Amino acid sequence: LADWASLESVGPARQWDREVVRGSLHDGEFSIWYLDQGRLAAAL
């Protein structure tokens, strides 16, 4: 998004039932892990 934010992801997750945040959304340095029934479906 211009020079304001860049994202990378692997997956993709068609559905998930839990999100786990690693790092800080506030500081703009984080990863989000998308879990579906305990298994990793995708990560951002």
All heavy atoms as atom14 arrays in JSON, in Angstrom:
{
  "sequence": "LADWASLESVGPARQWDREVVRGSLHDGEFSIWYLDQGRLAAAL",
  "atom14_mask": [
    [1, 1, 1, 1, 1, 1, 1, 1, 0, 0, 0, 0, 0, 0],
    [1, 1, 1, 1, 1, 0, 0, 0, 0, 0, 0, 0, 0, 0],
    [1, 1, 1, 1, 1, 1, 1, 1, 0, 0, 0, 0, 0, 0],
    [1, 1, 1, 1, 1, 1, 1, 1, 1, 1, 1, 1, 1, 1],
    [1, 1, 1, 1, 1, 0, 0, 0, 0, 0, 0, 0, 0, 0],
    [1, 1, 1, 1, 1, 1, 0, 0, 0, 0, 0, 0, 0, 0],
    [1, 1, 1, 1, 1, 1, 1, 1, 0, 0, 0, 0, 0, 0],
    [1, 1, 1, 1, 1, 1, 1, 1, 1, 0, 0, 0, 0, 0],
    [1, 1, 1, 1, 1, 1, 0, 0, 0, 0, 0, 0, 0, 0],
    [1, 1, 1, 1, 1, 1, 1, 0, 0, 0, 0, 0, 0, 0],
    [1, 1, 1, 1, 0, 0, 0, 0, 0, 0, 0, 0, 0, 0],
    [1, 1, 1, 1, 1, 1, 1, 0, 0, 0, 0, 0, 0, 0],
    [1, 1, 1, 1, 1, 0, 0, 0, 0, 0, 0, 0, 0, 0],
    [1, 1, 1, 1, 1, 1, 1, 1, 1, 1, 1, 0, 0, 0],
    [1, 1, 1, 1, 1, 1, 1, 1, 1, 0, 0, 0, 0, 0],
    [1, 1, 1, 1, 1, 1, 1, 1, 1, 1, 1, 1, 1, 1],
    [1, 1, 1, 1, 1, 1, 1, 1, 0, 0, 0, 0, 0, 0],
    [1, 1, 1, 1, 1, 1, 1, 1, 1, 1, 1, 0, 0, 0],
    [1, 1, 1, 1, 1, 1, 1, 1, 1, 0, 0, 0, 0, 0],
    [1, 1, 1, 1, 1, 1, 1, 0, 0, 0, 0, 0, 0, 0],
    [1, 1, 1, 1, 1, 1, 1, 0, 0, 0, 0, 0, 0, 0],
    [1, 1, 1, 1, 1, 1, 1, 1, 1, 1, 1, 0, 0, 0],
    [1, 1, 1, 1, 0, 0, 0, 0, 0, 0, 0, 0, 0, 0],
    [1, 1, 1, 1, 1, 1, 0, 0, 0, 0, 0, 0, 0, 0],
    [1, 1, 1, 1, 1, 1, 1, 1, 0, 0, 0, 0, 0, 0],
    [1, 1, 1, 1, 1, 1, 1, 1, 1, 1, 0, 0, 0, 0],
    [1, 1, 1, 1, 1, 1, 1, 1, 0, 0, 0, 0, 0, 0],
    [1, 1, 1, 1, 0, 0, 0, 0, 0, 0, 0, 0, 0, 0],
    [1, 1, 1, 1, 1, 1, 1, 1, 1, 0, 0, 0, 0, 0],
    [1, 1, 1, 1, 1, 1, 1, 1, 1, 1, 1, 0, 0, 0],
    [1, 1, 1, 1, 1, 1, 0, 0, 0, 0, 0, 0, 0, 0],
    [1, 1, 1, 1, 1, 1, 1, 1, 0, 0, 0, 0, 0, 0],
    [1, 1, 1, 1, 1, 1, 1, 1, 1, 1, 1, 1, 1, 1],
    [1, 1, 1, 1, 1, 1, 1, 1, 1, 1, 1, 1, 0, 0],
    [1, 1, 1, 1, 1, 1, 1, 1, 0, 0, 0, 0, 0, 0],
    [1, 1, 1, 1, 1, 1, 1, 1, 0, 0, 0, 0, 0, 0],
    [1, 1, 1, 1, 1, 1, 1, 1, 1, 0, 0, 0, 0, 0],
    [1, 1, 1, 1, 0, 0, 0, 0, 0, 0, 0, 0, 0, 0],
    [1, 1, 1, 1, 1, 1, 1, 1, 1, 1, 1, 0, 0, 0],
    [1, 1, 1, 1, 1, 1, 1, 1, 0, 0, 0, 0, 0, 0],
    [1, 1, 1, 1, 1, 0, 0, 0, 0, 0, 0, 0, 0, 0],
    [1, 1, 1, 1, 1, 0, 0, 0, 0, 0, 0, 0, 0, 0],
    [1, 1, 1, 1, 1, 0, 0, 0, 0, 0, 0, 0, 0, 0],
    [1, 1, 1, 1, 1, 1, 1, 1, 0, 0, 0, 0, 0, 0]
  ],
  "atom14_positions": [
    [[0.87, -1.17, 0.0], [0.0, 0.0, 0.0], [0.91, 1.22, 0.0], [1.24, 1.77, 1.05], [-0.92, -0.02, 1.22], [-1.81, -1.26, 1.35], [-2.6, -1.21, 2.64], [-2.73, -1.41, 0.15], [0.0, 0.0, 0.0], [0.0, 0.0, 0.0], [0.0, 0.0, 0.0], [0.0, 0.0, 0.0], [0.0, 0.0, 0.0], [0.0, 0.0, 0.0]],
    [[1.34, 1.63, -1.21], [2.36, 2.67, -1.37], [3.55, 2.3, -0.5], [3.97, 1.15, -0.47], [1.77, 4.04, -1.03], [0.0, 0.0, 0.0], [0.0, 0.0, 0.0], [0.0, 0.0, 0.0], [0.0, 0.0, 0.0], [0.0, 0.0, 0.0], [0.0, 0.0, 0.0], [0.0, 0.0, 0.0], [0.0, 0.0, 0.0], [0.0, 0.0, 0.0]],
    [[4.12, 3.26, 0.22], [5.2, 2.97, 1.16], [4.69, 2.92, 2.6], [5.49, 2.97, 3.55], [6.3, 4.04, 1.06], [6.98, 4.04, -0.3], [7.15, 2.95, -0.88], [7.34, 5.14, -0.79], [0.0, 0.0, 0.0], [0.0, 0.0, 0.0], [0.0, 0.0, 0.0], [0.0, 0.0, 0.0], [0.0, 0.0, 0.0], [0.0, 0.0, 0.0]],
    [[3.39, 2.8, 2.77], [2.78, 2.92, 4.09], [2.68, 1.59, 4.81], [2.71, 1.54, 6.03], [1.39, 3.54, 3.98], [1.35, 4.73, 3.08], [2.37, 5.63, 2.84], [0.24, 5.16, 2.27], [1.96, 6.59, 1.95], [0.66, 6.33, 1.58], [-1.04, 4.69, 2.07], [-0.18, 7.01, 0.71], [-1.89, 5.37, 1.21], [-1.45, 6.52, 0.53]],
    [[2.51, 0.5, 4.08], [2.4, -0.83, 4.69], [2.59, -1.88, 3.61], [2.14, -1.7, 2.47], [1.04, -1.01, 5.37], [0.0, 0.0, 0.0], [0.0, 0.0, 0.0], [0.0, 0.0, 0.0], [0.0, 0.0, 0.0], [0.0, 0.0, 0.0], [0.0, 0.0, 0.0], [0.0, 0.0, 0.0], [0.0, 0.0, 0.0], [0.0, 0.0, 0.0]],
    [[3.26, -2.96, 3.97], [3.44, -4.08, 3.07], [3.06, -5.36, 3.8], [3.37, -5.51, 4.99], [4.9, -4.18, 2.6], [5.27, -3.05, 1.85], [0.0, 0.0, 0.0], [0.0, 0.0, 0.0], [0.0, 0.0, 0.0], [0.0, 0.0, 0.0], [0.0, 0.0, 0.0], [0.0, 0.0, 0.0], [0.0, 0.0, 0.0], [0.0, 0.0, 0.0]],
    [[2.38, -6.23, 3.1], [2.01, -7.5, 3.71], [2.49, -8.65, 2.85], [2.63, -8.54, 1.64], [0.49, -7.58, 3.91], [-0.41, -7.71, 2.67], [-0.64, -9.17, 2.28], [-1.76, -7.04, 2.91], [0.0, 0.0, 0.0], [0.0, 0.0, 0.0], [0.0, 0.0, 0.0], [0.0, 0.0, 0.0], [0.0, 0.0, 0.0], [0.0, 0.0, 0.0]],
    [[2.77, -9.77, 3.53], [3.07, -11.03, 2.88], [2.21, -12.1, 3.53], [1.91, -12.01, 4.73], [4.55, -11.41, 3.06], [5.54, -10.43, 2.48], [6.96, -10.85, 2.81], [7.42, -10.5, 3.92], [7.59, -11.54, 2.0], [0.0, 0.0, 0.0], [0.0, 0.0, 0.0], [0.0, 0.0, 0.0], [0.0, 0.0, 0.0], [0.0, 0.0, 0.0]],
    [[1.83, -13.1, 2.77], [1.04, -14.17, 3.37], [1.33, -15.49, 2.67], [1.76, -15.53, 1.52], [-0.46, -13.86, 3.27], [-0.91, -13.95, 1.93], [0.0, 0.0, 0.0], [0.0, 0.0, 0.0], [0.0, 0.0, 0.0], [0.0, 0.0, 0.0], [0.0, 0.0, 0.0], [0.0, 0.0, 0.0], [0.0, 0.0, 0.0], [0.0, 0.0, 0.0]],
    [[1.1, -16.57, 3.39], [1.14, -17.92, 2.83], [-0.16, -18.59, 3.23], [-0.75, -18.29, 4.27], [2.36, -18.73, 3.33], [3.65, -18.16, 2.78], [2.42, -18.78, 4.85], [0.0, 0.0, 0.0], [0.0, 0.0, 0.0], [0.0, 0.0, 0.0], [0.0, 0.0, 0.0], [0.0, 0.0, 0.0], [0.0, 0.0, 0.0], [0.0, 0.0, 0.0]],
    [[-0.62, -19.5, 2.43], [-1.89, -20.17, 2.71], [-2.5, -20.72, 1.43], [-1.88, -21.55, 0.77], [0.0, 0.0, 0.0], [0.0, 0.0, 0.0], [0.0, 0.0, 0.0], [0.0, 0.0, 0.0], [0.0, 0.0, 0.0], [0.0, 0.0, 0.0], [0.0, 0.0, 0.0], [0.0, 0.0, 0.0], [0.0, 0.0, 0.0], [0.0, 0.0, 0.0]],
    [[-3.62, -20.17, 1.01], [-4.47, -19.2, 1.72], [-5.44, -19.92, 2.65], [-5.62, -21.14, 2.54], [-5.23, -18.53, 0.57], [-5.4, -19.64, -0.43], [-4.14, -20.48, -0.32], [0.0, 0.0, 0.0], [0.0, 0.0, 0.0], [0.0, 0.0, 0.0], [0.0, 0.0, 0.0], [0.0, 0.0, 0.0], [0.0, 0.0, 0.0], [0.0, 0.0, 0.0]],
    [[-6.09, -19.18, 3.55], [-7.1, -19.75, 4.43], [-8.48, -19.5, 3.85], [-8.88, -18.36, 3.7], [-7.0, -19.14, 5.83], [0.0, 0.0, 0.0], [0.0, 0.0, 0.0], [0.0, 0.0, 0.0], [0.0, 0.0, 0.0], [0.0, 0.0, 0.0], [0.0, 0.0, 0.0], [0.0, 0.0, 0.0], [0.0, 0.0, 0.0], [0.0, 0.0, 0.0]],
    [[-9.17, -20.56, 3.48], [-10.55, -20.41, 3.03], [-11.47, -20.2, 4.23], [-12.51, -19.54, 4.13], [-10.98, -21.65, 2.24], [-10.15, -21.93, 1.0], [-10.12, -20.75, 0.06], [-9.41, -21.05, -1.17], [-8.99, -20.14, -2.03], [-9.21, -18.86, -1.79], [-8.35, -20.48, -3.13], [0.0, 0.0, 0.0], [0.0, 0.0, 0.0], [0.0, 0.0, 0.0]],
    [[-11.09, -20.8, 5.35], [-11.85, -20.62, 6.58], [-10.91, -20.82, 7.76], [-9.87, -21.47, 7.63], [-13.01, -21.62, 6.66], [-12.56, -23.08, 6.69], [-13.72, -24.04, 6.72], [-14.77, -23.77, 6.15], [-13.54, -25.18, 7.38], [0.0, 0.0, 0.0], [0.0, 0.0, 0.0], [0.0, 0.0, 0.0], [0.0, 0.0, 0.0], [0.0, 0.0, 0.0]],
    [[-11.24, -20.23, 8.87], [-10.46, -20.42, 10.08], [-11.35, -20.15, 11.28], [-12.36, -19.44, 11.19], [-9.23, -19.53, 10.1], [-9.46, -18.05, 10.11], [-9.6, -17.24, 11.21], [-9.61, -17.18, 8.97], [-9.8, -15.94, 10.83], [-9.8, -15.87, 9.46], [-9.56, -17.37, 7.59], [-9.99, -14.77, 8.62], [-9.74, -16.28, 6.76], [-9.94, -15.0, 7.27]],
    [[-10.99, -20.73, 12.43], [-11.79, -20.54, 13.63], [-11.02, -19.84, 14.75], [-11.54, -19.63, 15.83], [-12.34, -21.89, 14.14], [-11.26, -22.95, 14.29], [-10.1, -22.6, 14.62], [-11.56, -24.14, 14.08], [0.0, 0.0, 0.0], [0.0, 0.0, 0.0], [0.0, 0.0, 0.0], [0.0, 0.0, 0.0], [0.0, 0.0, 0.0], [0.0, 0.0, 0.0]],
    [[-9.74, -19.52, 14.47], [-8.95, -18.82, 15.49], [-7.83, -18.02, 14.83], [-7.25, -18.46, 13.85], [-8.35, -19.83, 16.47], [-7.59, -19.19, 17.63], [-6.96, -20.21, 18.54], [-6.23, -19.57, 19.61], [-5.42, -20.2, 20.47], [-5.26, -21.51, 20.37], [-4.77, -19.54, 21.41], [0.0, 0.0, 0.0], [0.0, 0.0, 0.0], [0.0, 0.0, 0.0]],
    [[-7.57, -16.83, 15.38], [-6.44, -16.02, 14.95], [-5.5, -15.81, 16.14], [-5.96, -15.47, 17.23], [-6.9, -14.65, 14.43], [-7.79, -14.71, 13.2], [-8.24, -13.33, 12.76], [-7.61, -12.33, 13.18], [-9.23, -13.24, 12.02], [0.0, 0.0, 0.0], [0.0, 0.0, 0.0], [0.0, 0.0, 0.0], [0.0, 0.0, 0.0], [0.0, 0.0, 0.0]],
    [[-4.22, -16.02, 15.91], [-3.21, -15.79, 16.94], [-2.26, -14.7, 16.43], [-1.69, -14.85, 15.34], [-2.42, -17.07, 17.27], [-1.34, -16.77, 18.32], [-3.35, -18.16, 17.76], [0.0, 0.0, 0.0], [0.0, 0.0, 0.0], [0.0, 0.0, 0.0], [0.0, 0.0, 0.0], [0.0, 0.0, 0.0], [0.0, 0.0, 0.0], [0.0, 0.0, 0.0]],
    [[-2.11, -13.63, 17.2], [-1.25, -12.52, 16.81], [0.1, -12.66, 17.49], [0.19, -12.84, 18.7], [-1.89, -11.16, 17.18], [-0.95, -10.01, 16.8], [-3.23, -11.0, 16.48], [0.0, 0.0, 0.0], [0.0, 0.0, 0.0], [0.0, 0.0, 0.0], [0.0, 0.0, 0.0], [0.0, 0.0, 0.0], [0.0, 0.0, 0.0], [0.0, 0.0, 0.0]],
    [[1.16, -12.56, 16.7], [2.53, -12.59, 17.21], [3.16, -11.24, 16.91], [3.14, -10.79, 15.76], [3.3, -13.72, 16.52], [4.74, -13.94, 17.01], [5.37, -15.08, 16.22], [6.73, -15.35, 16.6], [7.11, -16.18, 17.56], [6.18, -16.84, 18.24], [8.38, -16.38, 17.83], [0.0, 0.0, 0.0], [0.0, 0.0, 0.0], [0.0, 0.0, 0.0]],
    [[3.68, -10.55, 17.91], [4.18, -9.2, 17.69], [3.12, -8.18, 18.05], [2.2, -8.45, 18.82], [0.0, 0.0, 0.0], [0.0, 0.0, 0.0], [0.0, 0.0, 0.0], [0.0, 0.0, 0.0], [0.0, 0.0, 0.0], [0.0, 0.0, 0.0], [0.0, 0.0, 0.0], [0.0, 0.0, 0.0], [0.0, 0.0, 0.0], [0.0, 0.0, 0.0]],
    [[3.24, -6.98, 17.47], [2.37, -5.87, 17.87], [1.69, -5.23, 16.67], [2.35, -4.67, 15.78], [3.2, -4.81, 18.61], [2.44, -3.64, 18.83], [0.0, 0.0, 0.0], [0.0, 0.0, 0.0], [0.0, 0.0, 0.0], [0.0, 0.0, 0.0], [0.0, 0.0, 0.0], [0.0, 0.0, 0.0], [0.0, 0.0, 0.0], [0.0, 0.0, 0.0]],
    [[0.36, -5.29, 16.67], [-0.41, -4.57, 15.66], [-0.21, -3.08, 15.8], [-0.14, -2.35, 14.81], [-1.9, -4.92, 15.8], [-2.35, -6.28, 15.28], [-3.66, -6.69, 15.92], [-2.48, -6.26, 13.77], [0.0, 0.0, 0.0], [0.0, 0.0, 0.0], [0.0, 0.0, 0.0], [0.0, 0.0, 0.0], [0.0, 0.0, 0.0], [0.0, 0.0, 0.0]],
    [[-0.1, -2.62, 17.02], [0.07, -1.18, 17.28], [1.38, -0.67, 16.69], [1.44, 0.42, 16.11], [0.02, -0.91, 18.78], [0.18, 0.53, 19.14], [1.41, 1.1, 19.44], [-0.73, 1.55, 19.21], [1.25, 2.38, 19.69], [-0.04, 2.68, 19.57], [0.0, 0.0, 0.0], [0.0, 0.0, 0.0], [0.0, 0.0, 0.0], [0.0, 0.0, 0.0]],
    [[2.44, -1.45, 16.83], [3.75, -1.03, 16.33], [3.93, -1.31, 14.84], [4.93, -0.89, 14.24], [4.86, -1.72, 17.11], [4.9, -1.3, 18.57], [4.4, -0.21, 18.87], [5.4, -2.08, 19.41], [0.0, 0.0, 0.0], [0.0, 0.0, 0.0], [0.0, 0.0, 0.0], [0.0, 0.0, 0.0], [0.0, 0.0, 0.0], [0.0, 0.0, 0.0]],
    [[2.99, -2.04, 14.24], [3.08, -2.32, 12.81], [4.11, -3.36, 12.45], [4.6, -3.38, 11.32], [0.0, 0.0, 0.0], [0.0, 0.0, 0.0], [0.0, 0.0, 0.0], [0.0, 0.0, 0.0], [0.0, 0.0, 0.0], [0.0, 0.0, 0.0], [0.0, 0.0, 0.0], [0.0, 0.0, 0.0], [0.0, 0.0, 0.0], [0.0, 0.0, 0.0]],
    [[4.43, -4.25, 13.4], [5.35, -5.36, 13.12], [4.76, -6.6, 13.78], [4.86, -6.78, 14.99], [6.75, -5.07, 13.67], [7.78, -6.12, 13.26], [9.19, -5.72, 13.62], [9.59, -4.59, 13.28], [9.89, -6.55, 14.23], [0.0, 0.0, 0.0], [0.0, 0.0, 0.0], [0.0, 0.0, 0.0], [0.0, 0.0, 0.0], [0.0, 0.0, 0.0]],
    [[4.11, -7.43, 12.98], [3.36, -8.55, 13.55], [3.15, -9.64, 12.5], [3.34, -9.43, 11.3], [1.99, -8.07, 14.05], [1.11, -7.49, 12.96], [0.24, -8.29, 12.23], [1.17, -6.13, 12.65], [-0.55, -7.75, 11.22], [0.37, -5.58, 11.66], [-0.49, -6.4, 10.94], [0.0, 0.0, 0.0], [0.0, 0.0, 0.0], [0.0, 0.0, 0.0]],
    [[2.73, -10.79, 12.99], [2.22, -11.85, 12.12], [0.93, -12.36, 12.73], [0.75, -12.32, 13.95], [3.23, -12.99, 11.94], [3.6, -13.55, 13.19], [0.0, 0.0, 0.0], [0.0, 0.0, 0.0], [0.0, 0.0, 0.0], [0.0, 0.0, 0.0], [0.0, 0.0, 0.0], [0.0, 0.0, 0.0], [0.0, 0.0, 0.0], [0.0, 0.0, 0.0]],
    [[0.01, -12.77, 11.87], [-1.25, -13.36, 12.32], [-1.32, -14.78, 11.78], [-1.11, -15.01, 10.59], [-2.46, -12.53, 11.87], [-2.37, -11.1, 12.41], [-3.76, -13.17, 12.33], [-3.54, -10.2, 12.03], [0.0, 0.0, 0.0], [0.0, 0.0, 0.0], [0.0, 0.0, 0.0], [0.0, 0.0, 0.0], [0.0, 0.0, 0.0], [0.0, 0.0, 0.0]],
    [[-1.62, -15.71, 12.68], [-1.66, -17.13, 12.34], [-3.11, -17.58, 12.35], [-3.81, -17.41, 13.36], [-0.82, -17.93, 13.34], [0.6, -17.43, 13.41], [1.02, -16.22, 13.9], [1.76, -18.09, 12.92], [2.38, -16.1, 13.76], [2.87, -17.24, 13.17], [1.99, -19.33, 12.32], [4.16, -17.58, 12.82], [3.28, -19.69, 11.98], [4.35, -18.81, 12.23]],
    [[-3.57, -18.13, 11.24], [-4.97, -18.51, 11.07], [-5.1, -20.02, 11.21], [-4.56, -20.78, 10.4], [-5.47, -18.05, 9.7], [-5.32, -16.56, 9.48], [-4.15, -16.02, 8.96], [-6.35, -15.69, 9.83], [-4.01, -14.65, 8.78], [-6.22, -14.31, 9.65], [-5.05, -13.8, 9.12], [-4.91, -12.45, 8.95], [0.0, 0.0, 0.0], [0.0, 0.0, 0.0]],
    [[-5.81, -20.44, 12.25], [-5.93, -21.85, 12.59], [-7.32, -22.37, 12.28], [-8.32, -21.67, 12.5], [-5.62, -22.06, 14.08], [-4.19, -21.7, 14.49], [-4.13, -21.26, 15.93], [-3.25, -22.86, 14.23], [0.0, 0.0, 0.0], [0.0, 0.0, 0.0], [0.0, 0.0, 0.0], [0.0, 0.0, 0.0], [0.0, 0.0, 0.0], [0.0, 0.0, 0.0]],
    [[-7.37, -23.58, 11.77], [-8.64, -24.25, 11.49], [-8.6, -25.61, 12.18], [-7.85, -26.49, 11.78], [-8.84, -24.41, 9.98], [-10.21, -24.99, 9.63], [-11.11, -24.93, 10.49], [-10.36, -25.5, 8.51], [0.0, 0.0, 0.0], [0.0, 0.0, 0.0], [0.0, 0.0, 0.0], [0.0, 0.0, 0.0], [0.0, 0.0, 0.0], [0.0, 0.0, 0.0]],
    [[-9.37, -25.73, 13.25], [-9.4, -26.96, 14.05], [-8.0, -27.4, 14.49], [-7.64, -28.57, 14.42], [-10.09, -28.09, 13.25], [-11.53, -27.77, 12.9], [-12.22, -28.89, 12.15], [-11.61, -29.88, 11.79], [-13.51, -28.74, 11.92], [0.0, 0.0, 0.0], [0.0, 0.0, 0.0], [0.0, 0.0, 0.0], [0.0, 0.0, 0.0], [0.0, 0.0, 0.0]],
    [[-7.23, -26.42, 14.95], [-5.93, -26.71, 15.51], [-4.79, -26.78, 14.52], [-3.62, -26.83, 14.91], [0.0, 0.0, 0.0], [0.0, 0.0, 0.0], [0.0, 0.0, 0.0], [0.0, 0.0, 0.0], [0.0, 0.0, 0.0], [0.0, 0.0, 0.0], [0.0, 0.0, 0.0], [0.0, 0.0, 0.0], [0.0, 0.0, 0.0], [0.0, 0.0, 0.0]],
    [[-5.1, -26.76, 13.23], [-4.06, -26.83, 12.2], [-3.91, -25.47, 11.53], [-4.88, -24.75, 11.33], [-4.39, -27.9, 11.16], [-4.32, -29.32, 11.71], [-4.75, -30.36, 10.69], [-4.46, -31.71, 11.14], [-5.19, -32.4, 12.01], [-6.3, -31.85, 12.51], [-4.85, -33.62, 12.37], [0.0, 0.0, 0.0], [0.0, 0.0, 0.0], [0.0, 0.0, 0.0]],
    [[-2.67, -25.15, 11.16], [-2.42, -23.86, 10.54], [-2.92, -23.86, 9.1], [-2.53, -24.7, 8.29], [-0.92, -23.53, 10.57], [-0.57, -22.12, 10.11], [-1.14, -21.08, 11.06], [0.94, -21.94, 9.99], [0.0, 0.0, 0.0], [0.0, 0.0, 0.0], [0.0, 0.0, 0.0], [0.0, 0.0, 0.0], [0.0, 0.0, 0.0], [0.0, 0.0, 0.0]],
    [[-3.78, -22.89, 8.79], [-4.32, -22.77, 7.44], [-3.61, -21.68, 6.64], [-3.49, -21.79, 5.42], [-5.82, -22.47, 7.49], [0.0, 0.0, 0.0], [0.0, 0.0, 0.0], [0.0, 0.0, 0.0], [0.0, 0.0, 0.0], [0.0, 0.0, 0.0], [0.0, 0.0, 0.0], [0.0, 0.0, 0.0], [0.0, 0.0, 0.0], [0.0, 0.0, 0.0]],
    [[-3.14, -20.63, 7.32], [-2.48, -19.52, 6.64], [-1.78, -18.65, 7.66], [-2.02, -18.77, 8.87], [-3.5, -18.69, 5.85], [0.0, 0.0, 0.0], [0.0, 0.0, 0.0], [0.0, 0.0, 0.0], [0.0, 0.0, 0.0], [0.0, 0.0, 0.0], [0.0, 0.0, 0.0], [0.0, 0.0, 0.0], [0.0, 0.0, 0.0], [0.0, 0.0, 0.0]],
    [[-0.91, -17.79, 7.17], [-0.24, -16.82, 8.04], [-0.02, -15.54, 7.26], [0.24, -15.56, 6.06], [1.08, -17.36, 8.56], [0.0, 0.0, 0.0], [0.0, 0.0, 0.0], [0.0, 0.0, 0.0], [0.0, 0.0, 0.0], [0.0, 0.0, 0.0], [0.0, 0.0, 0.0], [0.0, 0.0, 0.0], [0.0, 0.0, 0.0], [0.0, 0.0, 0.0]],
    [[-0.12, -14.43, 7.95], [0.08, -13.09, 7.39], [1.22, -12.43, 8.14], [1.31, -12.53, 9.37], [-1.2, -12.27, 7.54], [-1.08, -10.75, 7.38], [-0.91, -10.39, 5.92], [-2.31, -10.05, 7.96], [0.0, 0.0, 0.0], [0.0, 0.0, 0.0], [0.0, 0.0, 0.0], [0.0, 0.0, 0.0], [0.0, 0.0, 0.0], [0.0, 0.0, 0.0]]
  ]
}
